[in-house]
Amino acid sequence: MPLQIDQLNLSFPASLGHRKHAISRLLRSELQRFDWPGPLNIAQLGLPALELSSRQSNLAIAGAIARQIHSSALQQASDVTGGTA
């Protein structure tokens, strides 16, 4: 199922601040790579802080964020539906 995100707010540490636009663009394509059961209607999704290195490529950082979003979204959907998402 295609993914639609109405609003996404990301906070980056100062060391990655100048790369945030590039990472955000890559994040969109990384999120599309996942299999999304649908429809998921999640009003808000909080993520734990991720340990990222400024030495990682923009793609690696986007991939790590995408994996965490996917995992958290599926977990939240499963919690709401009683494990059927």
C-alpha atoms as a PDB file:
ATOM      1  CA  MET A   1       0.000   0.000   0.000  1.00  0.00           C
ATOM      2  CA  PRO A   2       1.376   3.464  -0.791  1.00  0.00           C
ATOM      3  CA  LEU A   3       2.500   5.546   2.127  1.00  0.00           C
ATOM      4  CA  GLN A   4       1.104   9.002   2.774  1.00  0.00           C
ATOM      5  CA  ILE A   5       2.499  11.211   5.506  1.00  0.00           C
ATOM      6  CA  ASP A   6       0.706  14.484   6.027  1.00  0.00           C
ATOM      7  CA  GLN A   7       3.329  16.031   8.286  1.00  0.00           C
ATOM      8  CA  LEU A   8       6.760  14.917   9.406  1.00  0.00           C
ATOM      9  CA  ASN A   9       8.918  16.820  11.875  1.00  0.00           C
ATOM     10  CA  LEU A  10      12.492  15.696  12.366  1.00  0.00           C
ATOM     11  CA  SER A  11      15.079  17.129  14.709  1.00  0.00           C
ATOM     12  CA  PHE A  12      18.734  16.735  13.865  1.00  0.00           C
ATOM     13  CA  PRO A  13      21.736  17.462  16.038  1.00  0.00           C
ATOM     14  CA  ALA A  14      23.814  20.466  15.042  1.00  0.00           C
ATOM     15  CA  SER A  15      26.453  18.198  13.482  1.00  0.00           C
ATOM     16  CA  LEU A  16      23.885  16.999  10.915  1.00  0.00           C
ATOM     17  CA  GLY A  17      21.950  20.238  10.544  1.00  0.00           C
ATOM     18  CA  HIS A  18      23.479  21.207   7.207  1.00  0.00           C
ATOM     19  CA  ARG A  19      22.551  17.761   5.808  1.00  0.00           C
ATOM     20  CA  LYS A  20      18.939  17.622   7.010  1.00  0.00           C
ATOM     21  CA  HIS A  21      17.332  18.548   3.684  1.00  0.00           C
ATOM     22  CA  ALA A  22      19.273  15.891   1.784  1.00  0.00           C
ATOM     23  CA  ILE A  23      18.515  13.290   4.474  1.00  0.00           C
ATOM     24  CA  SER A  24      14.819  14.221   4.447  1.00  0.00           C
ATOM     25  CA  ARG A  25      14.617  13.777   0.662  1.00  0.00           C
ATOM     26  CA  LEU A  26      16.278  10.375   0.913  1.00  0.00           C
ATOM     27  CA  LEU A  27      13.998   9.417   3.789  1.00  0.00           C
ATOM     28  CA  ARG A  28      10.958   9.678   1.511  1.00  0.00           C
ATOM     29  CA  SER A  29      12.355   7.110  -0.898  1.00  0.00           C
ATOM     30  CA  GLU A  30      13.577   4.864   1.925  1.00  0.00           C
ATOM     31  CA  LEU A  31      10.097   4.817   3.495  1.00  0.00           C
ATOM     32  CA  GLN A  32       8.590   3.753   0.163  1.00  0.00           C
ATOM     33  CA  ARG A  33      10.778   0.638   0.147  1.00  0.00           C
ATOM     34  CA  PHE A  34       8.890  -0.925   3.060  1.00  0.00           C
ATOM     35  CA  ASP A  35       5.789  -3.058   2.843  1.00  0.00           C
ATOM     36  CA  TRP A  36       3.065  -1.047   4.596  1.00  0.00           C
ATOM     37  CA  PRO A  37      -0.141  -2.774   5.629  1.00  0.00           C
ATOM     38  CA  GLY A  38      -2.932  -0.415   5.159  1.00  0.00           C
ATOM     39  CA  PRO A  39      -4.509   1.726   5.751  1.00  0.00           C
ATOM     40  CA  LEU A  40      -2.706   2.861   8.883  1.00  0.00           C
ATOM     41  CA  ASN A  41      -4.171   5.985  10.407  1.00  0.00           C
ATOM     42  CA  ILE A  42      -1.690   7.151  12.999  1.00  0.00           C
ATOM     43  CA  ALA A  43      -2.204  10.680  14.275  1.00  0.00           C
ATOM     44  CA  GLN A  44       1.166  10.940  15.983  1.00  0.00           C
ATOM     45  CA  LEU A  45       4.182   8.691  16.164  1.00  0.00           C
ATOM     46  CA  GLY A  46       7.017   9.335  18.564  1.00  0.00           C
ATOM     47  CA  LEU A  47      10.383   7.741  17.994  1.00  0.00           C
ATOM     48  CA  PRO A  48      13.158   7.111  20.444  1.00  0.00           C
ATOM     49  CA  ALA A  49      16.352   9.055  19.882  1.00  0.00           C
ATOM     50  CA  LEU A  50      18.551   7.301  17.354  1.00  0.00           C
ATOM     51  CA  GLU A  51      22.296   7.007  17.753  1.00  0.00           C
ATOM     52  CA  LEU A  52      23.675   8.268  14.455  1.00  0.00           C
ATOM     53  CA  SER A  53      27.202   9.138  13.475  1.00  0.00           C
ATOM     54  CA  SER A  54      27.997  12.208  11.432  1.00  0.00           C
ATOM     55  CA  ARG A  55      30.390   9.905   9.547  1.00  0.00           C
ATOM     56  CA  GLN A  56      27.456   7.914   8.132  1.00  0.00           C
ATOM     57  CA  SER A  57      26.262   8.707   4.628  1.00  0.00           C
ATOM     58  CA  ASN A  58      23.015  10.602   4.153  1.00  0.00           C
ATOM     59  CA  LEU A  59      21.495   7.414   2.736  1.00  0.00           C
ATOM     60  CA  ALA A  60      22.557   5.344   5.763  1.00  0.00           C
ATOM     61  CA  ILE A  61      21.045   7.908   8.120  1.00  0.00           C
ATOM     62  CA  ALA A  62      17.818   8.083   6.105  1.00  0.00           C
ATOM     63  CA  GLY A  63      17.647   4.283   6.116  1.00  0.00           C
ATOM     64  CA  ALA A  64      18.076   4.096   9.898  1.00  0.00           C
ATOM     65  CA  ILE A  65      15.339   6.672  10.431  1.00  0.00           C
ATOM     66  CA  ALA A  66      13.040   4.894   7.957  1.00  0.00           C
ATOM     67  CA  ARG A  67      13.540   1.543   9.697  1.00  0.00           C
ATOM     68  CA  GLN A  68      12.665   3.102  13.053  1.00  0.00           C
ATOM     69  CA  ILE A  69       9.572   4.825  11.649  1.00  0.00           C
ATOM     70  CA  HIS A  70       8.420   1.577  10.027  1.00  0.00           C
ATOM     71  CA  SER A  71       9.001  -0.465  13.158  1.00  0.00           C
ATOM     72  CA  SER A  72       7.302   2.068  15.430  1.00  0.00           C
ATOM     73  CA  ALA A  73       4.332   2.506  13.078  1.00  0.00           C
ATOM     74  CA  LEU A  74       3.733  -1.237  12.849  1.00  0.00           C
ATOM     75  CA  GLN A  75       4.065  -1.595  16.616  1.00  0.00           C
ATOM     76  CA  GLN A  76       1.629   1.238  17.283  1.00  0.00           C
ATOM     77  CA  ALA A  77      -0.841  -0.108  14.739  1.00  0.00           C
ATOM     78  CA  SER A  78      -0.556  -3.559  16.289  1.00  0.00           C
ATOM     79  CA  ASP A  79      -1.191  -2.128  19.753  1.00  0.00           C
ATOM     80  CA  VAL A  80      -4.303  -0.308  18.512  1.00  0.00           C
ATOM     81  CA  THR A  81      -5.711  -3.285  16.615  1.00  0.00           C
ATOM     82  CA  GLY A  82      -4.810  -5.907  19.185  1.00  0.00           C
ATOM     83  CA  GLY A  83      -2.049  -7.423  17.066  1.00  0.00           C
ATOM     84  CA  THR A  84      -3.853  -7.664  13.729  1.00  0.00           C
ATOM     85  CA  ALA A  85      -1.963  -4.962  11.822  1.00  0.00           C
END
